[in-house]
Amino acid sequence: MQVSLPPELEELIKANVASGVYASEEDVIHTALHLLLDYNAYLREEINRGIEQADQKVFSSMSIEDLKAEGRCSLASRK
């Protein structure tokens, strides 16, 4: 399989190899795809948890702005 990437992603991959964090470009892509699989599994779990809570009539009293702020903090802490 051949994949075309934008220049900034190619540079990111090359920089990670050059820094010694990864042994090869394939290792970088392999790790990235595993992280994507983990993230997708996490999202499915969260969606299912939300569906279960809605089915049980468990709702949050948080405002939409509070929910957005919490989500942004959670996302920022993962980076």
N, C-alpha and C. Protein backbone atom coordinates (compact mmCIF):
# COMPACT_ATOMS: atom_id res chain seq x y z
N MET A 1 0.85 -1.18 0.00
CA MET A 1 0.00 0.00 0.00
C MET A 1 0.89 1.24 0.00
N GLN A 2 0.53 2.19 -0.81
CA GLN A 2 1.22 3.46 -0.82
C GLN A 2 0.24 4.53 -0.39
N VAL A 3 0.73 5.45 0.42
CA VAL A 3 -0.11 6.52 0.95
C VAL A 3 0.59 7.85 0.70
N SER A 4 -0.16 8.83 0.25
CA SER A 4 0.38 10.18 0.08
C SER A 4 -0.01 11.01 1.30
N LEU A 5 0.96 11.71 1.83
CA LEU A 5 0.72 12.56 3.00
C LEU A 5 1.08 14.00 2.67
N PRO A 6 0.40 14.94 3.31
CA PRO A 6 0.80 16.34 3.12
C PRO A 6 2.21 16.54 3.69
N PRO A 7 2.94 17.51 3.16
CA PRO A 7 4.32 17.74 3.58
C PRO A 7 4.50 17.89 5.09
N GLU A 8 3.56 18.54 5.76
CA GLU A 8 3.73 18.74 7.21
C GLU A 8 3.67 17.42 7.98
N LEU A 9 2.88 16.46 7.51
CA LEU A 9 2.83 15.16 8.18
C LEU A 9 4.08 14.34 7.86
N GLU A 10 4.57 14.45 6.63
CA GLU A 10 5.83 13.78 6.29
C GLU A 10 6.96 14.30 7.18
N GLU A 11 7.00 15.61 7.38
CA GLU A 11 8.04 16.20 8.22
C GLU A 11 7.89 15.75 9.67
N LEU A 12 6.67 15.64 10.14
CA LEU A 12 6.43 15.16 11.51
C LEU A 12 6.97 13.74 11.68
N ILE A 13 6.70 12.90 10.72
CA ILE A 13 7.19 11.52 10.76
C ILE A 13 8.71 11.50 10.74
N LYS A 14 9.30 12.23 9.82
CA LYS A 14 10.76 12.27 9.71
C LYS A 14 11.40 12.83 10.97
N ALA A 15 10.80 13.83 11.56
CA ALA A 15 11.34 14.43 12.79
C ALA A 15 11.32 13.42 13.94
N ASN A 16 10.26 12.63 14.03
CA ASN A 16 10.19 11.63 15.09
C ASN A 16 11.24 10.54 14.91
N VAL A 17 11.52 10.17 13.66
CA VAL A 17 12.58 9.19 13.40
C VAL A 17 13.94 9.81 13.69
N ALA A 18 14.15 11.03 13.22
CA ALA A 18 15.44 11.70 13.42
C ALA A 18 15.75 11.92 14.89
N SER A 19 14.73 12.13 15.70
CA SER A 19 14.95 12.37 17.13
C SER A 19 15.29 11.09 17.88
N GLY A 20 15.10 9.96 17.22
CA GLY A 20 15.40 8.69 17.86
C GLY A 20 14.24 8.09 18.62
N VAL A 21 13.11 8.79 18.64
CA VAL A 21 11.93 8.27 19.34
C VAL A 21 11.43 7.00 18.67
N TYR A 22 11.52 6.97 17.35
CA TYR A 22 11.10 5.80 16.57
C TYR A 22 12.25 5.35 15.69
N ALA A 23 12.31 4.05 15.42
CA ALA A 23 13.39 3.49 14.62
C ALA A 23 13.17 3.70 13.13
N SER A 24 11.91 3.82 12.72
CA SER A 24 11.63 3.95 11.29
C SER A 24 10.32 4.71 11.07
N GLU A 25 10.12 5.12 9.84
CA GLU A 25 8.87 5.79 9.48
C GLU A 25 7.70 4.85 9.67
N GLU A 26 7.91 3.57 9.39
CA GLU A 26 6.85 2.58 9.57
C GLU A 26 6.43 2.48 11.04
N ASP A 27 7.41 2.58 11.95
CA ASP A 27 7.10 2.53 13.38
C ASP A 27 6.22 3.70 13.79
N VAL A 28 6.49 4.88 13.24
CA VAL A 28 5.68 6.06 13.56
C VAL A 28 4.24 5.84 13.10
N ILE A 29 4.07 5.38 11.88
CA ILE A 29 2.74 5.17 11.33
C ILE A 29 2.02 4.05 12.07
N HIS A 30 2.74 2.98 12.40
CA HIS A 30 2.17 1.87 13.14
C HIS A 30 1.62 2.35 14.49
N THR A 31 2.43 3.14 15.20
CA THR A 31 2.01 3.67 16.50
C THR A 31 0.81 4.59 16.34
N ALA A 32 0.84 5.44 15.33
CA ALA A 32 -0.27 6.37 15.10
C ALA A 32 -1.57 5.62 14.83
N LEU A 33 -1.50 4.56 14.05
CA LEU A 33 -2.71 3.80 13.76
C LEU A 33 -3.23 3.07 14.99
N HIS A 34 -2.32 2.58 15.83
CA HIS A 34 -2.77 1.95 17.07
C HIS A 34 -3.43 2.97 18.00
N LEU A 35 -2.88 4.17 18.04
CA LEU A 35 -3.50 5.22 18.84
C LEU A 35 -4.88 5.58 18.30
N LEU A 36 -5.03 5.58 16.98
CA LEU A 36 -6.34 5.83 16.37
C LEU A 36 -7.33 4.74 16.77
N LEU A 37 -6.90 3.50 16.73
CA LEU A 37 -7.78 2.40 17.16
C LEU A 37 -8.20 2.56 18.62
N ASP A 38 -7.24 2.91 19.48
CA ASP A 38 -7.55 3.12 20.90
C ASP A 38 -8.53 4.27 21.08
N TYR A 39 -8.31 5.35 20.34
CA TYR A 39 -9.19 6.52 20.46
C TYR A 39 -10.60 6.20 19.98
N ASN A 40 -10.70 5.46 18.88
CA ASN A 40 -12.02 5.06 18.39
C ASN A 40 -12.74 4.17 19.39
N ALA A 41 -12.01 3.26 20.03
CA ALA A 41 -12.60 2.40 21.06
C ALA A 41 -13.09 3.24 22.24
N TYR A 42 -12.27 4.22 22.63
CA TYR A 42 -12.66 5.13 23.72
C TYR A 42 -13.94 5.88 23.36
N LEU A 43 -14.02 6.39 22.14
CA LEU A 43 -15.22 7.12 21.72
C LEU A 43 -16.45 6.22 21.74
N ARG A 44 -16.30 4.97 21.26
CA ARG A 44 -17.43 4.03 21.29
C ARG A 44 -17.89 3.78 22.72
N GLU A 45 -16.93 3.61 23.65
CA GLU A 45 -17.28 3.40 25.06
C GLU A 45 -18.04 4.61 25.61
N GLU A 46 -17.56 5.79 25.31
CA GLU A 46 -18.21 7.01 25.80
C GLU A 46 -19.61 7.17 25.22
N ILE A 47 -19.76 6.88 23.96
CA ILE A 47 -21.09 6.96 23.33
C ILE A 47 -22.03 5.95 23.97
N ASN A 48 -21.55 4.73 24.15
CA ASN A 48 -22.39 3.71 24.78
C ASN A 48 -22.76 4.08 26.21
N ARG A 49 -21.80 4.68 26.94
CA ARG A 49 -22.08 5.12 28.31
C ARG A 49 -23.16 6.20 28.29
N GLY A 50 -23.07 7.12 27.33
CA GLY A 50 -24.07 8.17 27.21
C GLY A 50 -25.44 7.62 26.87
N ILE A 51 -25.47 6.64 25.99
CA ILE A 51 -26.75 6.02 25.62
C ILE A 51 -27.36 5.32 26.82
N GLU A 52 -26.54 4.59 27.58
CA GLU A 52 -27.03 3.91 28.78
C GLU A 52 -27.58 4.91 29.79
N GLN A 53 -26.86 6.01 29.98
CA GLN A 53 -27.33 7.03 30.93
C GLN A 53 -28.63 7.65 30.46
N ALA A 54 -28.75 7.90 29.17
CA ALA A 54 -29.99 8.48 28.64
C ALA A 54 -31.14 7.50 28.81
N ASP A 55 -30.88 6.21 28.57
CA ASP A 55 -31.91 5.19 28.75
C ASP A 55 -32.38 5.12 30.21
N GLN A 56 -31.44 5.40 31.13
CA GLN A 56 -31.77 5.38 32.57
C GLN A 56 -32.26 6.74 33.06
N LYS A 57 -32.41 7.67 32.13
CA LYS A 57 -32.86 9.03 32.45
C LYS A 57 -31.88 9.77 33.38
N VAL A 58 -30.59 9.48 33.21
CA VAL A 58 -29.53 10.16 33.97
C VAL A 58 -28.99 11.27 33.09
N PHE A 59 -29.24 12.50 33.49
CA PHE A 59 -28.82 13.64 32.69
C PHE A 59 -27.95 14.58 33.52
N SER A 60 -27.11 15.34 32.85
CA SER A 60 -26.23 16.30 33.50
C SER A 60 -26.95 17.63 33.69
N SER A 61 -26.60 18.30 34.75
CA SER A 61 -27.15 19.64 34.98
C SER A 61 -26.19 20.71 34.44
N MET A 62 -25.09 20.28 33.80
CA MET A 62 -24.11 21.23 33.28
C MET A 62 -24.67 21.95 32.06
N SER A 63 -24.25 23.19 31.90
CA SER A 63 -24.63 23.94 30.71
C SER A 63 -23.80 23.47 29.53
N ILE A 64 -24.22 23.79 28.33
CA ILE A 64 -23.46 23.40 27.15
C ILE A 64 -22.08 24.04 27.16
N GLU A 65 -21.97 25.25 27.68
CA GLU A 65 -20.66 25.91 27.75
C GLU A 65 -19.75 25.19 28.74
N ASP A 66 -20.30 24.73 29.86
CA ASP A 66 -19.51 23.96 30.82
C ASP A 66 -19.05 22.64 30.21
N LEU A 67 -19.94 21.98 29.47
CA LEU A 67 -19.58 20.72 28.82
C LEU A 67 -18.48 20.93 27.79
N LYS A 68 -18.57 22.02 27.03
CA LYS A 68 -17.53 22.32 26.04
C LYS A 68 -16.19 22.55 26.73
N ALA A 69 -16.21 23.33 27.81
CA ALA A 69 -14.98 23.63 28.54
C ALA A 69 -14.36 22.35 29.10
N GLU A 70 -15.19 21.47 29.65
CA GLU A 70 -14.69 20.20 30.18
C GLU A 70 -14.08 19.35 29.07
N GLY A 71 -14.74 19.31 27.93
CA GLY A 71 -14.22 18.54 26.80
C GLY A 71 -12.89 19.10 26.30
N ARG A 72 -12.78 20.41 26.25
CA ARG A 72 -11.53 21.04 25.80
C ARG A 72 -10.40 20.73 26.77
N CYS A 73 -10.69 20.78 28.08
CA CYS A 73 -9.68 20.46 29.08
C CYS A 73 -9.24 19.00 28.96
N SER A 74 -10.19 18.13 28.78
CA SER A 74 -9.88 16.71 28.63
C SER A 74 -9.03 16.46 27.40
N LEU A 75 -9.38 17.09 26.30
CA LEU A 75 -8.61 16.94 25.07
C LEU A 75 -7.20 17.51 25.24
N ALA A 76 -7.09 18.66 25.87
CA ALA A 76 -5.78 19.29 26.06
C ALA A 76 -4.89 18.45 26.96
N SER A 77 -5.47 17.77 27.93
CA SER A 77 -4.66 16.96 28.84
C SER A 77 -4.12 15.71 28.17
N ARG A 78 -4.69 15.32 27.05
CA ARG A 78 -4.22 14.14 26.32
C ARG A 78 -3.08 14.44 25.39
N LYS A 79 -2.88 15.70 25.09
CA LYS A 79 -1.84 16.07 24.12
C LYS A 79 -0.49 16.11 24.77
